[in-house]
Amino acid sequence: MSKRGRAAREPYAEYTVNSNGQIIAAIFYGAEVPQSLFAGTAGFGMLAEATVTEGCEYIGSGAFSTNGLRSISLPSTLKEIDSGAFQNCMLLTSIELPAGLEYLSRNTFKNCLALAAVTFHGTPDSIATTAFSGCEALLTINVPWAEGAVAGAPWGATNATINYRAL
């Protein structure tokens, strides 16, 4: 495992690499995951597992847009996910979004072709109408709110059934 960053208080990431030197897992520490930090074009094409630690409030545009991502753990402190943050994560099958999440931007999960289930643990203020566009396998979105509480449903997930008050 190697670290980036100068001090524990500054943002940094720890990486696990395979025998070929490819990054396969990452843990991010900090208040904001910068734009395109873990994008496949930055050498993270094999990144399969990621964890964003408590204290992070924002995930930047394209931050995890890598086709190898299979799972991600998001912190309860997360408030906003920017455009395309998880775009083209072809192997991601499900995601749980924390209760404190306030906003999902446009194309957040665009073309996540294996994404089949999404669970919200809180009620965001806003979800962009294209947050789940191109997610053809997305059949189930579980939400704790009543129908109509968040505008734009199904937010681009044309095949999805929204299970209201599911939690």
N, C-alpha and C. Protein backbone atom coordinates (compact mmCIF):
# COMPACT_ATOMS: atom_id res chain seq x y z
N MET A 1 0.83 -1.17 0.00
CA MET A 1 0.00 0.00 0.00
C MET A 1 0.88 1.24 0.00
N SER A 2 0.50 2.23 -0.77
CA SER A 2 1.25 3.47 -0.78
C SER A 2 0.29 4.62 -0.51
N LYS A 3 0.86 5.76 -0.08
CA LYS A 3 0.04 6.92 0.25
C LYS A 3 0.40 8.08 -0.65
N ARG A 4 -0.58 8.94 -0.86
CA ARG A 4 -0.37 10.24 -1.49
C ARG A 4 -0.80 11.29 -0.50
N GLY A 5 -0.12 12.40 -0.48
CA GLY A 5 -0.46 13.46 0.46
C GLY A 5 0.66 13.64 1.45
N ARG A 6 0.66 14.78 2.12
CA ARG A 6 1.76 15.09 3.03
C ARG A 6 1.43 14.84 4.48
N ALA A 7 0.19 14.96 4.86
CA ALA A 7 -0.18 14.79 6.27
C ALA A 7 -1.57 14.19 6.34
N ALA A 8 -1.86 13.56 7.47
CA ALA A 8 -3.15 12.88 7.62
C ALA A 8 -4.32 13.84 7.50
N ARG A 9 -4.12 15.13 7.81
CA ARG A 9 -5.22 16.08 7.72
C ARG A 9 -5.51 16.50 6.29
N GLU A 10 -4.57 16.31 5.39
CA GLU A 10 -4.77 16.66 3.99
C GLU A 10 -5.39 15.48 3.26
N PRO A 11 -6.07 15.75 2.15
CA PRO A 11 -6.63 14.64 1.37
C PRO A 11 -5.53 13.72 0.85
N TYR A 12 -5.76 12.44 0.94
CA TYR A 12 -4.85 11.47 0.36
C TYR A 12 -5.58 10.16 0.13
N ALA A 13 -4.94 9.28 -0.60
CA ALA A 13 -5.52 7.97 -0.89
C ALA A 13 -4.49 6.89 -0.63
N GLU A 14 -4.97 5.74 -0.20
CA GLU A 14 -4.13 4.56 -0.06
C GLU A 14 -4.55 3.60 -1.15
N TYR A 15 -3.58 2.94 -1.76
CA TYR A 15 -3.87 2.06 -2.89
C TYR A 15 -3.38 0.65 -2.61
N THR A 16 -4.09 -0.32 -3.14
CA THR A 16 -3.65 -1.71 -3.16
C THR A 16 -3.43 -2.05 -4.63
N VAL A 17 -2.28 -2.66 -4.91
CA VAL A 17 -1.96 -3.00 -6.29
C VAL A 17 -1.86 -4.51 -6.45
N ASN A 18 -2.11 -5.00 -7.67
CA ASN A 18 -1.96 -6.42 -7.94
C ASN A 18 -0.51 -6.71 -8.35
N SER A 19 -0.22 -7.94 -8.71
CA SER A 19 1.16 -8.34 -9.06
C SER A 19 1.68 -7.64 -10.31
N ASN A 20 0.78 -7.09 -11.11
CA ASN A 20 1.19 -6.35 -12.31
C ASN A 20 1.35 -4.86 -12.06
N GLY A 21 1.18 -4.45 -10.79
CA GLY A 21 1.32 -3.05 -10.44
C GLY A 21 0.09 -2.22 -10.74
N GLN A 22 -1.03 -2.87 -11.07
CA GLN A 22 -2.27 -2.16 -11.36
C GLN A 22 -3.03 -1.90 -10.06
N ILE A 23 -3.59 -0.71 -9.93
CA ILE A 23 -4.34 -0.36 -8.73
C ILE A 23 -5.69 -1.06 -8.79
N ILE A 24 -5.97 -1.86 -7.74
CA ILE A 24 -7.22 -2.62 -7.72
C ILE A 24 -8.16 -2.20 -6.60
N ALA A 25 -7.63 -1.47 -5.60
CA ALA A 25 -8.47 -0.99 -4.49
C ALA A 25 -7.90 0.34 -4.00
N ALA A 26 -8.80 1.19 -3.51
CA ALA A 26 -8.38 2.49 -3.02
C ALA A 26 -9.26 2.92 -1.86
N ILE A 27 -8.64 3.64 -0.93
CA ILE A 27 -9.35 4.27 0.17
C ILE A 27 -9.02 5.75 0.11
N PHE A 28 -10.05 6.59 0.07
CA PHE A 28 -9.84 8.03 -0.01
C PHE A 28 -10.14 8.67 1.33
N TYR A 29 -9.23 9.56 1.77
CA TYR A 29 -9.38 10.32 3.00
C TYR A 29 -9.40 11.81 2.63
N GLY A 30 -10.42 12.54 3.05
CA GLY A 30 -10.48 13.96 2.79
C GLY A 30 -11.92 14.43 2.67
N ALA A 31 -12.10 15.74 2.59
CA ALA A 31 -13.43 16.34 2.55
C ALA A 31 -14.06 16.30 1.17
N GLU A 32 -13.22 16.25 0.11
CA GLU A 32 -13.73 16.25 -1.25
C GLU A 32 -12.90 15.32 -2.12
N VAL A 33 -13.55 14.43 -2.87
CA VAL A 33 -12.86 13.61 -3.86
C VAL A 33 -12.74 14.48 -5.11
N PRO A 34 -11.52 14.84 -5.52
CA PRO A 34 -11.35 15.73 -6.67
C PRO A 34 -11.85 15.13 -7.98
N GLN A 35 -12.16 16.03 -8.90
CA GLN A 35 -12.61 15.65 -10.23
C GLN A 35 -11.64 14.67 -10.87
N SER A 36 -12.17 13.60 -11.43
CA SER A 36 -11.42 12.59 -12.21
C SER A 36 -10.30 11.89 -11.44
N LEU A 37 -10.29 11.97 -10.10
CA LEU A 37 -9.19 11.39 -9.32
C LEU A 37 -8.98 9.91 -9.60
N PHE A 38 -10.03 9.13 -9.60
CA PHE A 38 -9.92 7.69 -9.81
C PHE A 38 -10.41 7.26 -11.19
N ALA A 39 -10.45 8.17 -12.13
CA ALA A 39 -10.93 7.86 -13.48
C ALA A 39 -10.03 6.84 -14.16
N GLY A 40 -10.63 5.99 -14.97
CA GLY A 40 -9.87 4.96 -15.68
C GLY A 40 -8.75 5.52 -16.53
N THR A 41 -8.94 6.72 -17.03
CA THR A 41 -7.90 7.34 -17.86
C THR A 41 -6.68 7.75 -17.04
N ALA A 42 -6.81 7.79 -15.72
CA ALA A 42 -5.68 8.17 -14.86
C ALA A 42 -4.94 6.94 -14.35
N GLY A 43 -5.16 5.77 -14.95
CA GLY A 43 -4.47 4.55 -14.54
C GLY A 43 -5.26 3.69 -13.57
N PHE A 44 -6.52 4.00 -13.37
CA PHE A 44 -7.33 3.25 -12.42
C PHE A 44 -8.31 2.31 -13.12
N GLY A 45 -8.03 1.89 -14.33
CA GLY A 45 -8.93 1.03 -15.08
C GLY A 45 -9.23 -0.30 -14.43
N MET A 46 -8.35 -0.76 -13.54
CA MET A 46 -8.55 -2.03 -12.85
C MET A 46 -9.13 -1.84 -11.44
N LEU A 47 -9.40 -0.59 -11.05
CA LEU A 47 -9.92 -0.32 -9.71
C LEU A 47 -11.26 -1.02 -9.54
N ALA A 48 -11.30 -2.01 -8.64
CA ALA A 48 -12.52 -2.79 -8.43
C ALA A 48 -13.26 -2.39 -7.17
N GLU A 49 -12.52 -1.98 -6.13
CA GLU A 49 -13.13 -1.64 -4.85
C GLU A 49 -12.64 -0.28 -4.39
N ALA A 50 -13.56 0.52 -3.88
CA ALA A 50 -13.19 1.83 -3.37
C ALA A 50 -13.96 2.14 -2.10
N THR A 51 -13.33 2.88 -1.22
CA THR A 51 -13.95 3.34 0.01
C THR A 51 -13.68 4.83 0.13
N VAL A 52 -14.72 5.57 0.41
CA VAL A 52 -14.58 6.99 0.72
C VAL A 52 -14.88 7.11 2.20
N THR A 53 -13.95 7.66 2.95
CA THR A 53 -14.08 7.66 4.41
C THR A 53 -14.97 8.78 4.94
N GLU A 54 -15.38 8.62 6.20
CA GLU A 54 -16.20 9.62 6.88
C GLU A 54 -15.50 10.97 6.84
N GLY A 55 -16.29 12.01 6.71
CA GLY A 55 -15.76 13.37 6.61
C GLY A 55 -15.85 13.92 5.21
N CYS A 56 -15.91 13.03 4.22
CA CYS A 56 -16.03 13.48 2.83
C CYS A 56 -17.46 13.94 2.58
N GLU A 57 -17.60 15.14 1.99
CA GLU A 57 -18.92 15.70 1.71
C GLU A 57 -19.22 15.81 0.23
N TYR A 58 -18.21 15.66 -0.63
CA TYR A 58 -18.40 15.94 -2.04
C TYR A 58 -17.56 14.99 -2.89
N ILE A 59 -18.16 14.46 -3.95
CA ILE A 59 -17.44 13.65 -4.94
C ILE A 59 -17.50 14.41 -6.26
N GLY A 60 -16.34 14.73 -6.80
CA GLY A 60 -16.24 15.55 -8.00
C GLY A 60 -16.61 14.84 -9.29
N SER A 61 -16.78 15.63 -10.31
CA SER A 61 -17.15 15.16 -11.65
C SER A 61 -16.16 14.12 -12.16
N GLY A 62 -16.68 12.97 -12.58
CA GLY A 62 -15.85 11.92 -13.15
C GLY A 62 -14.90 11.24 -12.18
N ALA A 63 -15.05 11.46 -10.89
CA ALA A 63 -14.10 10.96 -9.90
C ALA A 63 -13.86 9.46 -9.96
N PHE A 64 -14.91 8.67 -10.16
CA PHE A 64 -14.80 7.21 -10.19
C PHE A 64 -15.22 6.63 -11.53
N SER A 65 -15.09 7.39 -12.58
CA SER A 65 -15.53 6.92 -13.90
C SER A 65 -14.51 5.93 -14.47
N THR A 66 -14.57 4.72 -13.94
CA THR A 66 -13.68 3.65 -14.36
C THR A 66 -14.49 2.39 -14.59
N ASN A 67 -14.23 1.69 -15.66
CA ASN A 67 -15.07 0.56 -15.99
C ASN A 67 -14.84 -0.67 -15.13
N GLY A 68 -13.86 -0.70 -14.25
CA GLY A 68 -13.61 -1.86 -13.42
C GLY A 68 -14.27 -1.84 -12.06
N LEU A 69 -14.82 -0.70 -11.65
CA LEU A 69 -15.38 -0.57 -10.30
C LEU A 69 -16.54 -1.52 -10.07
N ARG A 70 -16.42 -2.36 -9.04
CA ARG A 70 -17.46 -3.33 -8.68
C ARG A 70 -18.21 -2.92 -7.42
N SER A 71 -17.52 -2.26 -6.51
CA SER A 71 -18.17 -1.85 -5.26
C SER A 71 -17.53 -0.59 -4.71
N ILE A 72 -18.37 0.18 -4.03
CA ILE A 72 -17.90 1.40 -3.38
C ILE A 72 -18.67 1.59 -2.08
N SER A 73 -17.95 2.03 -1.09
CA SER A 73 -18.54 2.35 0.21
C SER A 73 -18.51 3.87 0.37
N LEU A 74 -19.67 4.45 0.60
CA LEU A 74 -19.79 5.89 0.73
C LEU A 74 -20.06 6.28 2.18
N PRO A 75 -19.53 7.43 2.62
CA PRO A 75 -19.69 7.83 4.02
C PRO A 75 -21.04 8.48 4.31
N SER A 76 -21.44 8.46 5.55
CA SER A 76 -22.69 9.10 5.96
C SER A 76 -22.61 10.62 5.81
N THR A 77 -21.40 11.16 5.74
CA THR A 77 -21.21 12.61 5.64
C THR A 77 -21.37 13.15 4.22
N LEU A 78 -21.50 12.28 3.24
CA LEU A 78 -21.58 12.70 1.83
C LEU A 78 -22.84 13.51 1.57
N LYS A 79 -22.66 14.69 0.92
CA LYS A 79 -23.79 15.56 0.63
C LYS A 79 -24.07 15.72 -0.85
N GLU A 80 -23.03 15.65 -1.69
CA GLU A 80 -23.22 15.92 -3.11
C GLU A 80 -22.33 15.03 -3.97
N ILE A 81 -22.91 14.53 -5.07
CA ILE A 81 -22.16 13.78 -6.07
C ILE A 81 -22.32 14.51 -7.38
N ASP A 82 -21.20 14.93 -7.97
CA ASP A 82 -21.22 15.76 -9.17
C ASP A 82 -21.38 14.94 -10.45
N SER A 83 -21.52 15.63 -11.56
CA SER A 83 -21.83 15.01 -12.85
C SER A 83 -20.83 13.94 -13.27
N GLY A 84 -21.39 12.83 -13.71
CA GLY A 84 -20.58 11.74 -14.24
C GLY A 84 -19.63 11.10 -13.26
N ALA A 85 -19.82 11.29 -11.97
CA ALA A 85 -18.89 10.77 -10.96
C ALA A 85 -18.67 9.26 -11.09
N PHE A 86 -19.72 8.52 -11.44
CA PHE A 86 -19.63 7.07 -11.60
C PHE A 86 -19.97 6.63 -13.02
N GLN A 87 -19.88 7.52 -13.95
CA GLN A 87 -20.21 7.23 -15.35
C GLN A 87 -19.34 6.09 -15.88
N ASN A 88 -19.96 5.19 -16.61
CA ASN A 88 -19.29 4.06 -17.27
C ASN A 88 -18.68 3.04 -16.31
N CYS A 89 -19.19 2.95 -15.11
CA CYS A 89 -18.76 1.90 -14.18
C CYS A 89 -19.52 0.63 -14.57
N MET A 90 -19.00 -0.06 -15.56
CA MET A 90 -19.71 -1.18 -16.20
C MET A 90 -19.97 -2.38 -15.30
N LEU A 91 -19.22 -2.52 -14.20
CA LEU A 91 -19.36 -3.70 -13.35
C LEU A 91 -20.05 -3.42 -12.02
N LEU A 92 -20.41 -2.17 -11.78
CA LEU A 92 -21.10 -1.81 -10.55
C LEU A 92 -22.54 -2.32 -10.62
N THR A 93 -22.94 -3.19 -9.68
CA THR A 93 -24.27 -3.80 -9.73
C THR A 93 -25.27 -3.18 -8.78
N SER A 94 -24.78 -2.57 -7.70
CA SER A 94 -25.70 -1.92 -6.75
C SER A 94 -24.95 -0.83 -6.00
N ILE A 95 -25.73 0.09 -5.45
CA ILE A 95 -25.13 1.16 -4.65
C ILE A 95 -26.12 1.60 -3.59
N GLU A 96 -25.58 1.94 -2.42
CA GLU A 96 -26.37 2.48 -1.33
C GLU A 96 -25.93 3.91 -1.12
N LEU A 97 -26.90 4.82 -1.16
CA LEU A 97 -26.61 6.25 -1.04
C LEU A 97 -26.99 6.71 0.37
N PRO A 98 -26.08 7.39 1.05
CA PRO A 98 -26.27 7.72 2.47
C PRO A 98 -27.40 8.71 2.73
N ALA A 99 -27.89 8.69 3.96
CA ALA A 99 -29.02 9.52 4.38
C ALA A 99 -28.76 11.01 4.23
N GLY A 100 -27.53 11.44 4.37
CA GLY A 100 -27.21 12.86 4.30
C GLY A 100 -27.07 13.41 2.89
N LEU A 101 -27.16 12.56 1.88
CA LEU A 101 -27.00 13.01 0.49
C LEU A 101 -28.08 14.02 0.13
N GLU A 102 -27.64 15.19 -0.37
CA GLU A 102 -28.57 16.25 -0.73
C GLU A 102 -28.78 16.38 -2.23
N TYR A 103 -27.78 15.99 -3.04
CA TYR A 103 -27.88 16.27 -4.47
C TYR A 103 -27.13 15.24 -5.30
N LEU A 104 -27.79 14.73 -6.34
CA LEU A 104 -27.18 13.90 -7.38
C LEU A 104 -27.24 14.70 -8.66
N SER A 105 -26.10 14.92 -9.28
CA SER A 105 -26.02 15.73 -10.48
C SER A 105 -26.37 14.93 -11.73
N ARG A 106 -26.33 15.60 -12.87
CA ARG A 106 -26.65 14.97 -14.14
C ARG A 106 -25.63 13.87 -14.47
N ASN A 107 -26.13 12.81 -15.06
CA ASN A 107 -25.30 11.70 -15.54
C ASN A 107 -24.40 11.07 -14.47
N THR A 108 -24.78 11.18 -13.21
CA THR A 108 -23.97 10.64 -12.12
C THR A 108 -23.61 9.18 -12.36
N PHE A 109 -24.58 8.37 -12.75
CA PHE A 109 -24.36 6.94 -12.98
C PHE A 109 -24.59 6.57 -14.44
N LYS A 110 -24.41 7.50 -15.34
CA LYS A 110 -24.68 7.27 -16.76
C LYS A 110 -23.92 6.04 -17.28
N ASN A 111 -24.65 5.21 -17.99
CA ASN A 111 -24.09 4.01 -18.65
C ASN A 111 -23.44 3.02 -17.69
N CYS A 112 -23.94 2.94 -16.48
CA CYS A 112 -23.53 1.87 -15.57
C CYS A 112 -24.41 0.66 -15.94
N LEU A 113 -23.95 -0.08 -16.91
CA LEU A 113 -24.79 -1.08 -17.56
C LEU A 113 -25.20 -2.26 -16.69
N ALA A 114 -24.45 -2.55 -15.63
CA ALA A 114 -24.81 -3.66 -14.74
C ALA A 114 -25.56 -3.20 -13.50
N LEU A 115 -25.68 -1.91 -13.31
CA LEU A 115 -26.35 -1.38 -12.12
C LEU A 115 -27.81 -1.83 -12.11
N ALA A 116 -28.16 -2.66 -11.12
CA ALA A 116 -29.50 -3.24 -11.07
C ALA A 116 -30.34 -2.70 -9.90
N ALA A 117 -29.67 -2.20 -8.84
CA ALA A 117 -30.41 -1.74 -7.66
C ALA A 117 -29.72 -0.54 -7.03
N VAL A 118 -30.55 0.43 -6.65
CA VAL A 118 -30.09 1.63 -5.95
C VAL A 118 -30.95 1.79 -4.71
N THR A 119 -30.31 2.07 -3.59
CA THR A 119 -31.04 2.31 -2.35
C THR A 119 -30.64 3.66 -1.78
N PHE A 120 -31.62 4.51 -1.60
CA PHE A 120 -31.42 5.80 -0.92
C PHE A 120 -31.76 5.60 0.55
N HIS A 121 -30.92 6.12 1.44
CA HIS A 121 -31.20 6.01 2.87
C HIS A 121 -31.73 7.31 3.45
N GLY A 122 -31.88 8.32 2.61
CA GLY A 122 -32.43 9.60 3.01
C GLY A 122 -33.14 10.22 1.83
N THR A 123 -33.60 11.45 1.99
CA THR A 123 -34.33 12.15 0.95
C THR A 123 -33.50 13.33 0.45
N PRO A 124 -32.90 13.20 -0.73
CA PRO A 124 -32.13 14.32 -1.28
C PRO A 124 -33.03 15.50 -1.64
N ASP A 125 -32.44 16.69 -1.65
CA ASP A 125 -33.18 17.87 -2.09
C ASP A 125 -33.46 17.81 -3.58
N SER A 126 -32.50 17.22 -4.34
CA SER A 126 -32.64 17.21 -5.79
C SER A 126 -31.86 16.05 -6.41
N ILE A 127 -32.47 15.47 -7.43
CA ILE A 127 -31.82 14.44 -8.25
C ILE A 127 -32.02 14.88 -9.69
N ALA A 128 -30.94 15.01 -10.43
CA ALA A 128 -31.04 15.42 -11.83
C ALA A 128 -31.84 14.40 -12.63
N THR A 129 -32.58 14.86 -13.61
CA THR A 129 -33.44 13.98 -14.40
C THR A 129 -32.65 12.96 -15.22
N THR A 130 -31.33 13.14 -15.35
CA THR A 130 -30.50 12.19 -16.09
C THR A 130 -29.50 11.46 -15.20
N ALA A 131 -29.70 11.47 -13.90
CA ALA A 131 -28.75 10.86 -12.97
C ALA A 131 -28.46 9.40 -13.30
N PHE A 132 -29.47 8.66 -13.77
CA PHE A 132 -29.32 7.23 -14.05
C PHE A 132 -29.51 6.91 -15.54
N SER A 133 -29.27 7.85 -16.42
CA SER A 133 -29.49 7.60 -17.84
C SER A 133 -28.55 6.53 -18.37
N GLY A 134 -29.07 5.68 -19.23
CA GLY A 134 -28.28 4.60 -19.81
C GLY A 134 -28.10 3.40 -18.90
N CYS A 135 -28.73 3.40 -17.74
CA CYS A 135 -28.63 2.27 -16.80
C CYS A 135 -29.76 1.29 -17.12
N GLU A 136 -29.58 0.56 -18.20
CA GLU A 136 -30.63 -0.31 -18.72
C GLU A 136 -30.99 -1.47 -17.80
N ALA A 137 -30.06 -1.92 -16.95
CA ALA A 137 -30.32 -3.03 -16.04
C ALA A 137 -30.94 -2.56 -14.72
N LEU A 138 -31.03 -1.25 -14.53
CA LEU A 138 -31.56 -0.72 -13.27
C LEU A 138 -33.06 -0.96 -13.20
N LEU A 139 -33.43 -1.92 -12.36
CA LEU A 139 -34.82 -2.32 -12.23
C LEU A 139 -35.46 -1.86 -10.92
N THR A 140 -34.62 -1.60 -9.90
CA THR A 140 -35.15 -1.30 -8.57
C THR A 140 -34.46 -0.09 -7.97
N ILE A 141 -35.27 0.89 -7.58
CA ILE A 141 -34.78 2.03 -6.82
C ILE A 141 -35.61 2.10 -5.54
N ASN A 142 -34.96 1.88 -4.41
CA ASN A 142 -35.62 1.89 -3.11
C ASN A 142 -35.42 3.26 -2.46
N VAL A 143 -36.52 3.89 -2.06
CA VAL A 143 -36.46 5.22 -1.46
C VAL A 143 -37.32 5.27 -0.20
N PRO A 144 -36.91 6.07 0.78
CA PRO A 144 -37.69 6.15 2.02
C PRO A 144 -38.80 7.20 2.00
N TRP A 145 -38.95 7.93 0.89
CA TRP A 145 -39.93 9.02 0.83
C TRP A 145 -41.19 8.60 0.08
N ALA A 146 -42.20 9.45 0.17
CA ALA A 146 -43.47 9.22 -0.53
C ALA A 146 -43.35 9.67 -1.98
N GLU A 147 -44.16 9.09 -2.83
CA GLU A 147 -44.16 9.46 -4.25
C GLU A 147 -44.35 10.96 -4.41
N GLY A 148 -43.53 11.56 -5.28
CA GLY A 148 -43.61 12.98 -5.56
C GLY A 148 -42.73 13.86 -4.67
N ALA A 149 -42.13 13.29 -3.64
CA ALA A 149 -41.31 14.08 -2.72
C ALA A 149 -40.04 14.61 -3.38
N VAL A 150 -39.50 13.88 -4.36
CA VAL A 150 -38.32 14.32 -5.11
C VAL A 150 -38.71 14.28 -6.59
N ALA A 151 -38.62 15.43 -7.23
CA ALA A 151 -39.07 15.57 -8.62
C ALA A 151 -38.20 14.80 -9.60
N GLY A 152 -38.80 14.47 -10.75
CA GLY A 152 -38.07 13.91 -11.88
C GLY A 152 -37.99 12.40 -11.97
N ALA A 153 -38.63 11.67 -11.06
CA ALA A 153 -38.55 10.21 -11.08
C ALA A 153 -38.96 9.67 -12.44
N PRO A 154 -38.27 8.72 -12.98
CA PRO A 154 -37.23 7.87 -12.41
C PRO A 154 -35.79 8.34 -12.70
N TRP A 155 -35.59 9.61 -12.99
CA TRP A 155 -34.26 10.21 -13.11
C TRP A 155 -33.42 9.56 -14.20
N GLY A 156 -34.06 9.20 -15.30
CA GLY A 156 -33.36 8.61 -16.44
C GLY A 156 -33.34 7.10 -16.45
N ALA A 157 -33.77 6.45 -15.38
CA ALA A 157 -33.78 4.99 -15.28
C ALA A 157 -35.11 4.48 -15.85
N THR A 158 -35.17 4.38 -17.14
CA THR A 158 -36.43 4.10 -17.82
C THR A 158 -37.02 2.72 -17.52
N ASN A 159 -36.21 1.76 -17.09
CA ASN A 159 -36.71 0.40 -16.79
C ASN A 159 -36.97 0.17 -15.30
N ALA A 160 -36.72 1.18 -14.49
CA ALA A 160 -36.76 1.00 -13.03
C ALA A 160 -38.16 1.14 -12.44
N THR A 161 -38.36 0.38 -11.40
CA THR A 161 -39.53 0.53 -10.53
C THR A 161 -39.04 1.21 -9.28
N ILE A 162 -39.75 2.24 -8.86
CA ILE A 162 -39.38 2.93 -7.63
C ILE A 162 -40.24 2.41 -6.51
N ASN A 163 -39.58 1.90 -5.49
CA ASN A 163 -40.27 1.39 -4.32
C ASN A 163 -40.29 2.48 -3.26
N TYR A 164 -41.41 3.20 -3.15
CA TYR A 164 -41.53 4.30 -2.21
C TYR A 164 -41.71 3.77 -0.79
N ARG A 165 -41.17 4.49 0.14
CA ARG A 165 -41.22 4.14 1.57
C ARG A 165 -40.73 2.71 1.79
N ALA A 166 -39.65 2.38 1.09
CA ALA A 166 -39.13 1.01 1.11
C ALA A 166 -38.28 0.70 2.34
N LEU A 167 -37.89 1.71 3.07
CA LEU A 167 -37.01 1.45 4.22
C LEU A 167 -37.74 1.55 5.53
